[in-house]
Amino acid sequence: MSSIHRMSPLDLLSLNLTNLDPLTENYDLGFYLNYLMRWPSLFSTVKDRDAGTVGYIMGKLEEQHPSLRQSEHYTPWHGHITVLTVAPAWRRLGYARQLTEQLERGSDINNAWFVDLYVRAGNKVAVDMYNGMGYSVFRRVVNYYSDDPTGMSDSGEDAFDMRKPCSRDRKREHVREKGEDFLVSPEDVS
């Protein structure tokens, strides 16, 4: 039996089942602690009674500096999914959706315009999962990742910046059709 809980500092020491997955980005302990202290309500874990931590989501609330408001690449106050991962044996059981919905509620409570995330353009399973949860591609970030796991390119892999509007965005101003065709560079989204 598994259940979702708010992440605690001790949970950070038991992420091996999830972080050993090649599709999961790994960070140093300080990075995780920073998120946990700044955005504790957006950092949750799935715990299995026998196996321990089998999934987690790590998010934040952010806005680009107001001086960039005139830029076409400006992103207003929004929730961001930094990491969402579930260990392979616990996938397709609804945990990713439950974790994401919890982060979306936290973003909505904090009056965010949308929730966004970056996913490898070639990770069809993840892209389809996010589409099924109401996310759509807002733009393609060319060479966002420093590697290409397919080996088909000497440069990095593209990312899709996917978004789902929160209740504040009634007019759906922060989503677009055919975002896959809207190309930007990593410098445009930093």
N, C-alpha and C. Protein backbone atom coordinates (compact mmCIF):
# COMPACT_ATOMS: atom_id res chain seq x y z
N MET A 1 0.84 -1.18 0.00
CA MET A 1 0.00 0.00 0.00
C MET A 1 0.88 1.24 0.00
N SER A 2 0.56 2.21 -0.85
CA SER A 2 1.32 3.44 -0.95
C SER A 2 0.42 4.63 -0.66
N SER A 3 1.03 5.72 -0.19
CA SER A 3 0.28 6.94 0.09
C SER A 3 1.17 8.15 -0.13
N ILE A 4 0.53 9.30 -0.31
CA ILE A 4 1.25 10.55 -0.60
C ILE A 4 1.37 11.36 0.68
N HIS A 5 2.57 11.90 0.90
CA HIS A 5 2.87 12.71 2.08
C HIS A 5 3.71 13.92 1.66
N ARG A 6 3.71 14.93 2.50
CA ARG A 6 4.63 16.05 2.30
C ARG A 6 6.04 15.54 2.54
N MET A 7 6.98 15.94 1.70
CA MET A 7 8.37 15.51 1.83
C MET A 7 8.97 16.06 3.12
N SER A 8 9.77 15.25 3.79
CA SER A 8 10.49 15.69 4.99
C SER A 8 11.98 15.62 4.69
N PRO A 9 12.81 16.31 5.46
CA PRO A 9 14.25 16.23 5.21
C PRO A 9 14.79 14.80 5.25
N LEU A 10 14.29 13.96 6.12
CA LEU A 10 14.76 12.57 6.18
C LEU A 10 14.42 11.79 4.92
N ASP A 11 13.32 12.15 4.26
CA ASP A 11 12.93 11.47 3.02
C ASP A 11 13.98 11.65 1.92
N LEU A 12 14.72 12.74 2.00
CA LEU A 12 15.74 13.02 0.97
C LEU A 12 16.83 11.96 0.95
N LEU A 13 16.96 11.22 2.04
CA LEU A 13 18.00 10.20 2.12
C LEU A 13 17.54 8.86 1.54
N SER A 14 16.31 8.81 1.04
CA SER A 14 15.79 7.53 0.54
C SER A 14 15.17 7.66 -0.85
N LEU A 15 15.87 8.35 -1.74
CA LEU A 15 15.34 8.57 -3.08
C LEU A 15 15.91 7.61 -4.13
N ASN A 16 16.68 6.60 -3.71
CA ASN A 16 17.38 5.74 -4.67
C ASN A 16 16.47 5.04 -5.66
N LEU A 17 15.32 4.52 -5.23
CA LEU A 17 14.44 3.80 -6.15
C LEU A 17 14.00 4.69 -7.31
N THR A 18 13.86 5.98 -7.06
CA THR A 18 13.42 6.89 -8.11
C THR A 18 14.59 7.53 -8.84
N ASN A 19 15.61 7.95 -8.12
CA ASN A 19 16.70 8.70 -8.74
C ASN A 19 17.66 7.84 -9.56
N LEU A 20 17.60 6.53 -9.43
CA LEU A 20 18.45 5.67 -10.26
C LEU A 20 17.87 5.47 -11.65
N ASP A 21 16.66 5.94 -11.88
CA ASP A 21 16.03 5.86 -13.19
C ASP A 21 16.74 6.81 -14.16
N PRO A 22 17.12 6.36 -15.37
CA PRO A 22 17.87 7.23 -16.29
C PRO A 22 17.11 8.45 -16.77
N LEU A 23 15.78 8.46 -16.68
CA LEU A 23 15.01 9.63 -17.11
C LEU A 23 14.84 10.67 -16.01
N THR A 24 15.31 10.38 -14.81
CA THR A 24 15.18 11.31 -13.69
C THR A 24 16.43 12.15 -13.56
N GLU A 25 16.23 13.47 -13.53
CA GLU A 25 17.35 14.38 -13.30
C GLU A 25 17.74 14.29 -11.83
N ASN A 26 19.03 14.29 -11.56
CA ASN A 26 19.51 14.21 -10.18
C ASN A 26 20.20 15.51 -9.78
N TYR A 27 20.04 15.87 -8.53
CA TYR A 27 20.61 17.11 -8.02
C TYR A 27 21.34 16.82 -6.71
N ASP A 28 22.13 17.77 -6.27
CA ASP A 28 22.83 17.57 -5.00
C ASP A 28 21.86 17.85 -3.84
N LEU A 29 22.22 17.38 -2.67
CA LEU A 29 21.36 17.46 -1.50
C LEU A 29 20.95 18.90 -1.18
N GLY A 30 21.88 19.85 -1.35
CA GLY A 30 21.58 21.26 -1.09
C GLY A 30 20.45 21.79 -1.95
N PHE A 31 20.40 21.35 -3.20
CA PHE A 31 19.34 21.77 -4.12
C PHE A 31 17.97 21.30 -3.60
N TYR A 32 17.89 20.03 -3.23
CA TYR A 32 16.65 19.48 -2.69
C TYR A 32 16.24 20.22 -1.40
N LEU A 33 17.21 20.44 -0.52
CA LEU A 33 16.90 21.13 0.74
C LEU A 33 16.40 22.55 0.50
N ASN A 34 16.97 23.24 -0.47
CA ASN A 34 16.53 24.59 -0.81
C ASN A 34 15.05 24.58 -1.19
N TYR A 35 14.65 23.66 -2.06
CA TYR A 35 13.24 23.56 -2.45
C TYR A 35 12.37 23.22 -1.25
N LEU A 36 12.83 22.28 -0.46
CA LEU A 36 12.04 21.83 0.68
C LEU A 36 11.80 22.97 1.67
N MET A 37 12.78 23.81 1.88
CA MET A 37 12.62 24.92 2.82
C MET A 37 11.82 26.07 2.23
N ARG A 38 11.96 26.33 0.94
CA ARG A 38 11.28 27.47 0.31
C ARG A 38 9.85 27.16 -0.11
N TRP A 39 9.60 25.94 -0.59
CA TRP A 39 8.28 25.58 -1.11
C TRP A 39 7.84 24.22 -0.56
N PRO A 40 7.71 24.08 0.76
CA PRO A 40 7.40 22.77 1.33
C PRO A 40 6.06 22.19 0.86
N SER A 41 5.10 23.05 0.55
CA SER A 41 3.79 22.54 0.12
C SER A 41 3.81 22.03 -1.32
N LEU A 42 4.91 22.28 -2.04
CA LEU A 42 5.02 21.84 -3.43
C LEU A 42 6.03 20.71 -3.58
N PHE A 43 6.35 20.04 -2.49
CA PHE A 43 7.34 18.96 -2.49
C PHE A 43 6.72 17.78 -1.75
N SER A 44 6.25 16.79 -2.51
CA SER A 44 5.54 15.65 -1.93
C SER A 44 6.18 14.35 -2.36
N THR A 45 5.90 13.30 -1.60
CA THR A 45 6.48 12.00 -1.87
C THR A 45 5.41 10.92 -1.83
N VAL A 46 5.64 9.86 -2.58
CA VAL A 46 4.81 8.66 -2.51
C VAL A 46 5.62 7.65 -1.72
N LYS A 47 5.04 7.16 -0.63
CA LYS A 47 5.73 6.17 0.20
C LYS A 47 4.98 4.85 0.15
N ASP A 48 5.75 3.81 -0.10
CA ASP A 48 5.23 2.46 -0.05
C ASP A 48 5.60 1.87 1.31
N ARG A 49 4.66 1.20 1.94
CA ARG A 49 4.89 0.66 3.28
C ARG A 49 6.14 -0.22 3.33
N ASP A 50 6.37 -1.01 2.29
CA ASP A 50 7.51 -1.93 2.29
C ASP A 50 8.75 -1.36 1.62
N ALA A 51 8.58 -0.64 0.51
CA ALA A 51 9.72 -0.20 -0.30
C ALA A 51 10.25 1.19 0.06
N GLY A 52 9.49 1.96 0.82
CA GLY A 52 9.93 3.33 1.15
C GLY A 52 9.48 4.31 0.08
N THR A 53 10.30 5.30 -0.21
CA THR A 53 9.95 6.34 -1.19
C THR A 53 10.00 5.76 -2.60
N VAL A 54 8.87 5.84 -3.31
CA VAL A 54 8.80 5.30 -4.66
C VAL A 54 8.43 6.36 -5.70
N GLY A 55 8.31 7.60 -5.26
CA GLY A 55 8.02 8.68 -6.19
C GLY A 55 8.00 10.00 -5.45
N TYR A 56 8.20 11.08 -6.22
CA TYR A 56 8.10 12.41 -5.61
C TYR A 56 7.91 13.47 -6.67
N ILE A 57 7.43 14.61 -6.23
CA ILE A 57 7.32 15.80 -7.07
C ILE A 57 7.97 16.95 -6.31
N MET A 58 8.68 17.76 -7.05
CA MET A 58 9.38 18.91 -6.47
C MET A 58 9.01 20.12 -7.32
N GLY A 59 8.43 21.12 -6.70
CA GLY A 59 8.00 22.29 -7.45
C GLY A 59 8.33 23.58 -6.76
N LYS A 60 8.06 24.66 -7.48
CA LYS A 60 8.30 26.00 -6.94
C LYS A 60 7.32 26.98 -7.55
N LEU A 61 7.26 28.16 -6.97
CA LEU A 61 6.51 29.28 -7.51
C LEU A 61 7.51 30.34 -7.92
N GLU A 62 7.32 30.92 -9.10
CA GLU A 62 8.31 31.88 -9.59
C GLU A 62 7.70 32.84 -10.60
N GLU A 63 8.46 33.88 -10.86
CA GLU A 63 8.13 34.87 -11.88
C GLU A 63 9.45 35.45 -12.37
N GLN A 64 9.54 35.70 -13.67
CA GLN A 64 10.75 36.37 -14.15
C GLN A 64 10.75 37.80 -13.65
N HIS A 65 11.91 38.39 -13.62
CA HIS A 65 12.05 39.75 -13.11
C HIS A 65 11.09 40.70 -13.86
N PRO A 66 10.38 41.58 -13.12
CA PRO A 66 9.41 42.48 -13.75
C PRO A 66 9.98 43.33 -14.88
N SER A 67 11.28 43.57 -14.88
CA SER A 67 11.88 44.37 -15.96
C SER A 67 11.78 43.66 -17.31
N LEU A 68 11.49 42.36 -17.31
CA LEU A 68 11.38 41.59 -18.55
C LEU A 68 9.94 41.52 -19.09
N ARG A 69 9.02 42.24 -18.46
CA ARG A 69 7.60 42.13 -18.85
C ARG A 69 7.35 42.45 -20.31
N GLN A 70 8.16 43.26 -20.92
CA GLN A 70 7.94 43.62 -22.32
C GLN A 70 8.46 42.56 -23.28
N SER A 71 9.22 41.61 -22.78
CA SER A 71 9.77 40.54 -23.61
C SER A 71 8.69 39.53 -23.97
N GLU A 72 8.74 39.02 -25.21
CA GLU A 72 7.79 37.99 -25.61
C GLU A 72 8.01 36.68 -24.85
N HIS A 73 9.16 36.55 -24.17
CA HIS A 73 9.49 35.34 -23.44
C HIS A 73 9.23 35.46 -21.93
N TYR A 74 8.69 36.57 -21.51
CA TYR A 74 8.41 36.79 -20.09
C TYR A 74 7.41 35.77 -19.56
N THR A 75 7.68 35.22 -18.38
CA THR A 75 6.71 34.32 -17.74
C THR A 75 6.27 34.93 -16.41
N PRO A 76 4.96 35.14 -16.25
CA PRO A 76 4.44 35.73 -15.02
C PRO A 76 4.42 34.71 -13.88
N TRP A 77 3.88 35.10 -12.75
CA TRP A 77 3.78 34.28 -11.56
C TRP A 77 3.15 32.93 -11.91
N HIS A 78 3.87 31.85 -11.64
CA HIS A 78 3.38 30.52 -12.01
C HIS A 78 4.02 29.44 -11.14
N GLY A 79 3.38 28.28 -11.14
CA GLY A 79 3.96 27.11 -10.51
C GLY A 79 4.83 26.38 -11.52
N HIS A 80 5.85 25.74 -11.03
CA HIS A 80 6.76 25.01 -11.92
C HIS A 80 7.07 23.64 -11.33
N ILE A 81 6.93 22.61 -12.14
CA ILE A 81 7.32 21.26 -11.74
C ILE A 81 8.78 21.08 -12.12
N THR A 82 9.63 21.01 -11.12
CA THR A 82 11.06 20.82 -11.37
C THR A 82 11.37 19.35 -11.59
N VAL A 83 10.80 18.49 -10.77
CA VAL A 83 10.99 17.04 -10.92
C VAL A 83 9.67 16.35 -10.59
N LEU A 84 9.32 15.40 -11.43
CA LEU A 84 8.23 14.46 -11.14
C LEU A 84 8.75 13.09 -11.55
N THR A 85 8.85 12.19 -10.61
CA THR A 85 9.35 10.85 -10.93
C THR A 85 8.68 9.81 -10.05
N VAL A 86 8.46 8.67 -10.65
CA VAL A 86 7.92 7.51 -9.95
C VAL A 86 8.78 6.31 -10.36
N ALA A 87 9.17 5.50 -9.38
CA ALA A 87 9.99 4.32 -9.66
C ALA A 87 9.25 3.40 -10.64
N PRO A 88 10.00 2.75 -11.54
CA PRO A 88 9.36 1.95 -12.60
C PRO A 88 8.29 0.97 -12.14
N ALA A 89 8.49 0.27 -11.06
CA ALA A 89 7.51 -0.73 -10.61
C ALA A 89 6.21 -0.11 -10.10
N TRP A 90 6.20 1.19 -9.85
CA TRP A 90 5.01 1.88 -9.32
C TRP A 90 4.38 2.81 -10.35
N ARG A 91 4.83 2.75 -11.60
CA ARG A 91 4.26 3.59 -12.65
C ARG A 91 2.94 3.00 -13.12
N ARG A 92 2.15 3.87 -13.74
CA ARG A 92 0.83 3.52 -14.30
C ARG A 92 -0.17 3.12 -13.21
N LEU A 93 0.06 3.64 -12.00
CA LEU A 93 -0.87 3.41 -10.90
C LEU A 93 -1.56 4.70 -10.46
N GLY A 94 -1.30 5.80 -11.18
CA GLY A 94 -1.95 7.07 -10.88
C GLY A 94 -1.18 7.99 -9.95
N TYR A 95 0.00 7.59 -9.51
CA TYR A 95 0.73 8.43 -8.56
C TYR A 95 1.23 9.73 -9.18
N ALA A 96 1.70 9.68 -10.42
CA ALA A 96 2.16 10.91 -11.08
C ALA A 96 1.02 11.92 -11.17
N ARG A 97 -0.15 11.44 -11.52
CA ARG A 97 -1.31 12.33 -11.62
C ARG A 97 -1.66 12.92 -10.25
N GLN A 98 -1.67 12.10 -9.21
CA GLN A 98 -2.01 12.57 -7.87
C GLN A 98 -0.99 13.60 -7.38
N LEU A 99 0.28 13.34 -7.60
CA LEU A 99 1.32 14.29 -7.20
C LEU A 99 1.16 15.61 -7.95
N THR A 100 0.90 15.51 -9.25
CA THR A 100 0.75 16.71 -10.08
C THR A 100 -0.47 17.51 -9.66
N GLU A 101 -1.57 16.85 -9.41
CA GLU A 101 -2.78 17.56 -8.99
C GLU A 101 -2.56 18.27 -7.66
N GLN A 102 -1.80 17.68 -6.77
CA GLN A 102 -1.51 18.32 -5.49
C GLN A 102 -0.68 19.60 -5.72
N LEU A 103 0.31 19.54 -6.60
CA LEU A 103 1.11 20.73 -6.89
C LEU A 103 0.26 21.78 -7.61
N GLU A 104 -0.62 21.36 -8.48
CA GLU A 104 -1.51 22.31 -9.17
C GLU A 104 -2.41 23.04 -8.17
N ARG A 105 -2.95 22.30 -7.20
CA ARG A 105 -3.79 22.94 -6.17
C ARG A 105 -2.97 23.97 -5.38
N GLY A 106 -1.75 23.62 -5.02
CA GLY A 106 -0.89 24.56 -4.31
C GLY A 106 -0.59 25.80 -5.13
N SER A 107 -0.41 25.64 -6.43
CA SER A 107 -0.16 26.78 -7.31
C SER A 107 -1.41 27.64 -7.43
N ASP A 108 -2.57 27.00 -7.54
CA ASP A 108 -3.83 27.73 -7.63
C ASP A 108 -4.10 28.54 -6.36
N ILE A 109 -3.85 27.93 -5.21
CA ILE A 109 -4.03 28.63 -3.93
C ILE A 109 -3.15 29.87 -3.86
N ASN A 110 -1.97 29.80 -4.49
CA ASN A 110 -1.04 30.93 -4.49
C ASN A 110 -1.24 31.86 -5.68
N ASN A 111 -2.41 31.75 -6.34
CA ASN A 111 -2.83 32.67 -7.39
C ASN A 111 -1.90 32.66 -8.61
N ALA A 112 -1.36 31.50 -8.96
CA ALA A 112 -0.51 31.37 -10.14
C ALA A 112 -1.36 31.41 -11.40
N TRP A 113 -0.75 31.85 -12.49
CA TRP A 113 -1.43 31.88 -13.78
C TRP A 113 -1.50 30.49 -14.41
N PHE A 114 -0.44 29.71 -14.23
CA PHE A 114 -0.37 28.38 -14.83
C PHE A 114 0.67 27.56 -14.09
N VAL A 115 0.73 26.28 -14.40
CA VAL A 115 1.80 25.40 -13.95
C VAL A 115 2.54 24.97 -15.20
N ASP A 116 3.87 25.02 -15.16
CA ASP A 116 4.63 24.56 -16.31
C ASP A 116 5.68 23.54 -15.90
N LEU A 117 6.27 22.93 -16.91
CA LEU A 117 7.32 21.93 -16.71
C LEU A 117 8.09 21.81 -18.02
N TYR A 118 9.28 21.26 -17.92
CA TYR A 118 10.08 20.96 -19.11
C TYR A 118 10.22 19.45 -19.19
N VAL A 119 10.02 18.92 -20.37
CA VAL A 119 10.13 17.47 -20.59
C VAL A 119 10.89 17.26 -21.90
N ARG A 120 11.68 16.21 -21.94
CA ARG A 120 12.40 15.89 -23.17
C ARG A 120 11.40 15.67 -24.30
N ALA A 121 11.64 16.34 -25.42
CA ALA A 121 10.73 16.23 -26.57
C ALA A 121 10.61 14.79 -27.04
N GLY A 122 11.65 13.99 -26.87
CA GLY A 122 11.62 12.61 -27.31
C GLY A 122 11.00 11.64 -26.31
N ASN A 123 10.61 12.12 -25.14
CA ASN A 123 10.02 11.25 -24.12
C ASN A 123 8.51 11.18 -24.35
N LYS A 124 8.12 10.41 -25.37
CA LYS A 124 6.72 10.35 -25.79
C LYS A 124 5.79 9.89 -24.67
N VAL A 125 6.24 8.96 -23.86
CA VAL A 125 5.39 8.47 -22.75
C VAL A 125 5.05 9.62 -21.81
N ALA A 126 6.06 10.41 -21.43
CA ALA A 126 5.81 11.53 -20.51
C ALA A 126 4.98 12.62 -21.18
N VAL A 127 5.28 12.95 -22.43
CA VAL A 127 4.52 13.99 -23.14
C VAL A 127 3.05 13.58 -23.23
N ASP A 128 2.80 12.32 -23.58
CA ASP A 128 1.41 11.84 -23.65
C ASP A 128 0.73 11.87 -22.28
N MET A 129 1.48 11.52 -21.23
CA MET A 129 0.91 11.55 -19.88
C MET A 129 0.49 12.98 -19.52
N TYR A 130 1.38 13.94 -19.77
CA TYR A 130 1.06 15.34 -19.45
C TYR A 130 -0.10 15.85 -20.30
N ASN A 131 -0.12 15.49 -21.59
CA ASN A 131 -1.27 15.87 -22.42
C ASN A 131 -2.56 15.34 -21.83
N GLY A 132 -2.53 14.11 -21.34
CA GLY A 132 -3.71 13.51 -20.73
C GLY A 132 -4.14 14.19 -19.44
N MET A 133 -3.22 14.93 -18.82
CA MET A 133 -3.55 15.66 -17.59
C MET A 133 -3.91 17.12 -17.89
N GLY A 134 -4.03 17.48 -19.17
CA GLY A 134 -4.46 18.83 -19.52
C GLY A 134 -3.34 19.80 -19.85
N TYR A 135 -2.11 19.33 -19.92
CA TYR A 135 -0.99 20.20 -20.30
C TYR A 135 -0.88 20.22 -21.82
N SER A 136 -0.36 21.33 -22.34
CA SER A 136 -0.09 21.42 -23.77
C SER A 136 1.26 22.09 -23.96
N VAL A 137 1.85 21.84 -25.12
CA VAL A 137 3.17 22.41 -25.41
C VAL A 137 3.01 23.89 -25.69
N PHE A 138 3.74 24.71 -24.94
CA PHE A 138 3.72 26.15 -25.14
C PHE A 138 4.82 26.58 -26.11
N ARG A 139 5.98 25.90 -26.02
CA ARG A 139 7.11 26.20 -26.91
C ARG A 139 8.11 25.06 -26.85
N ARG A 140 8.95 25.00 -27.87
CA ARG A 140 10.03 24.01 -27.95
C ARG A 140 11.33 24.76 -27.65
N VAL A 141 12.07 24.29 -26.66
CA VAL A 141 13.35 24.90 -26.30
C VAL A 141 14.44 24.04 -26.95
N VAL A 142 15.08 24.61 -27.97
CA VAL A 142 16.06 23.89 -28.78
C VAL A 142 17.34 23.65 -27.97
N ASN A 143 17.81 22.40 -27.97
CA ASN A 143 19.04 22.01 -27.26
C ASN A 143 19.01 22.36 -25.78
N TYR A 144 17.87 22.20 -25.15
CA TYR A 144 17.75 22.52 -23.73
C TYR A 144 18.58 21.58 -22.86
N TYR A 145 18.54 20.29 -23.19
CA TYR A 145 19.31 19.30 -22.43
C TYR A 145 20.69 19.15 -23.06
N SER A 146 21.69 18.98 -22.23
CA SER A 146 23.06 18.92 -22.74
C SER A 146 23.39 17.61 -23.43
N ASP A 147 22.51 16.61 -23.31
CA ASP A 147 22.76 15.33 -23.95
C ASP A 147 21.56 14.92 -24.79
N ASP A 148 21.79 13.95 -25.66
CA ASP A 148 20.72 13.36 -26.45
C ASP A 148 20.78 11.86 -26.22
N PRO A 149 19.88 11.33 -25.39
CA PRO A 149 19.96 9.91 -25.04
C PRO A 149 19.75 8.97 -26.23
N THR A 150 19.19 9.48 -27.32
CA THR A 150 18.99 8.62 -28.49
C THR A 150 20.28 8.40 -29.26
N GLY A 151 21.27 9.29 -29.05
CA GLY A 151 22.52 9.19 -29.80
C GLY A 151 22.39 9.67 -31.23
N MET A 152 21.27 10.25 -31.58
CA MET A 152 21.02 10.69 -32.95
C MET A 152 21.59 12.08 -33.24
N SER A 153 22.07 12.75 -32.21
CA SER A 153 22.54 14.12 -32.41
C SER A 153 23.80 14.36 -31.57
N ASP A 154 24.68 15.19 -32.10
CA ASP A 154 25.88 15.58 -31.34
C ASP A 154 25.55 16.67 -30.33
N SER A 155 24.44 17.35 -30.55
CA SER A 155 24.05 18.42 -29.62
C SER A 155 23.03 17.87 -28.64
N GLY A 156 22.49 18.73 -27.82
CA GLY A 156 21.54 18.31 -26.81
C GLY A 156 20.15 18.05 -27.37
N GLU A 157 19.31 17.53 -26.51
CA GLU A 157 17.93 17.24 -26.90
C GLU A 157 17.04 18.44 -26.61
N ASP A 158 16.04 18.63 -27.43
CA ASP A 158 15.07 19.69 -27.22
C ASP A 158 14.16 19.35 -26.04
N ALA A 159 13.60 20.40 -25.45
CA ALA A 159 12.60 20.24 -24.40
C ALA A 159 11.30 20.87 -24.86
N PHE A 160 10.20 20.32 -24.40
CA PHE A 160 8.91 20.98 -24.54
C PHE A 160 8.64 21.69 -23.24
N ASP A 161 8.31 22.98 -23.32
CA ASP A 161 7.80 23.74 -22.18
C ASP A 161 6.30 23.52 -22.23
N MET A 162 5.79 22.70 -21.31
CA MET A 162 4.36 22.38 -21.30
C MET A 162 3.68 23.15 -20.17
N ARG A 163 2.45 23.58 -20.44
CA ARG A 163 1.71 24.39 -19.47
C ARG A 163 0.28 23.92 -19.32
N LYS A 164 -0.22 24.17 -18.12
CA LYS A 164 -1.64 23.97 -17.84
C LYS A 164 -2.13 25.21 -17.11
N PRO A 165 -3.15 25.87 -17.63
CA PRO A 165 -3.61 27.09 -16.97
C PRO A 165 -4.25 26.81 -15.62
N CYS A 166 -4.06 27.72 -14.69
CA CYS A 166 -4.73 27.67 -13.39
C CYS A 166 -6.04 28.45 -13.51
N SER A 167 -6.83 28.45 -12.45
CA SER A 167 -8.14 29.11 -12.51
C SER A 167 -8.02 30.62 -12.75
N ARG A 168 -6.90 31.22 -12.39
CA ARG A 168 -6.70 32.65 -12.60
C ARG A 168 -6.69 33.00 -14.09
N ASP A 169 -6.26 32.09 -14.93
CA ASP A 169 -6.13 32.34 -16.38
C ASP A 169 -7.41 31.93 -17.10
N ARG A 170 -8.49 32.61 -16.79
CA ARG A 170 -9.80 32.28 -17.38
C ARG A 170 -9.81 32.44 -18.90
N LYS A 171 -9.04 33.39 -19.40
CA LYS A 171 -9.01 33.64 -20.85
C LYS A 171 -7.98 32.78 -21.57
N ARG A 172 -7.28 31.93 -20.81
CA ARG A 172 -6.26 31.03 -21.38
C ARG A 172 -5.20 31.81 -22.17
N GLU A 173 -4.73 32.91 -21.55
CA GLU A 173 -3.72 33.77 -22.18
C GLU A 173 -2.34 33.14 -22.22
N HIS A 174 -2.09 32.15 -21.37
CA HIS A 174 -0.74 31.62 -21.22
C HIS A 174 -0.57 30.22 -21.79
N VAL A 175 -1.44 29.87 -22.74
CA VAL A 175 -1.29 28.63 -23.51
C VAL A 175 -1.41 29.01 -24.98
N ARG A 176 -0.93 28.14 -25.86
CA ARG A 176 -1.03 28.43 -27.29
C ARG A 176 -1.20 27.12 -28.06
N GLU A 177 -1.77 27.26 -29.23
CA GLU A 177 -1.91 26.13 -30.15
C GLU A 177 -0.58 25.91 -30.87
N LYS A 178 -0.27 24.67 -31.17
CA LYS A 178 0.92 24.29 -31.93
C LYS A 178 2.20 24.84 -31.35
N GLY A 179 2.33 24.77 -30.05
CA GLY A 179 3.54 25.27 -29.39
C GLY A 179 4.79 24.53 -29.81
N GLU A 180 4.64 23.30 -30.33
CA GLU A 180 5.79 22.54 -30.80
C GLU A 180 6.54 23.29 -31.89
N ASP A 181 5.82 24.15 -32.63
CA ASP A 181 6.42 24.89 -33.74
C ASP A 181 6.99 26.24 -33.32
N PHE A 182 6.83 26.61 -32.05
CA PHE A 182 7.33 27.90 -31.55
C PHE A 182 8.69 27.63 -30.92
N LEU A 183 9.77 27.88 -31.68
CA LEU A 183 11.12 27.55 -31.26
C LEU A 183 11.77 28.70 -30.50
N VAL A 184 12.41 28.37 -29.38
CA VAL A 184 13.17 29.35 -28.60
C VAL A 184 14.49 28.70 -28.18
N SER A 185 15.42 29.52 -27.76
CA SER A 185 16.70 29.01 -27.28
C SER A 185 16.67 28.92 -25.75
N PRO A 186 17.56 28.15 -25.15
CA PRO A 186 17.59 28.07 -23.69
C PRO A 186 17.77 29.44 -23.04
N GLU A 187 18.48 30.35 -23.69
CA GLU A 187 18.68 31.70 -23.11
C GLU A 187 17.36 32.47 -23.02
N ASP A 188 16.40 32.16 -23.88
CA ASP A 188 15.12 32.84 -23.87
C ASP A 188 14.25 32.46 -22.67
N VAL A 189 14.53 31.32 -22.07
CA VAL A 189 13.69 30.84 -20.97
C VAL A 189 14.39 30.90 -19.61
N SER A 190 15.59 31.42 -19.58
CA SER A 190 16.32 31.46 -18.28
C SER A 190 15.92 32.64 -17.45
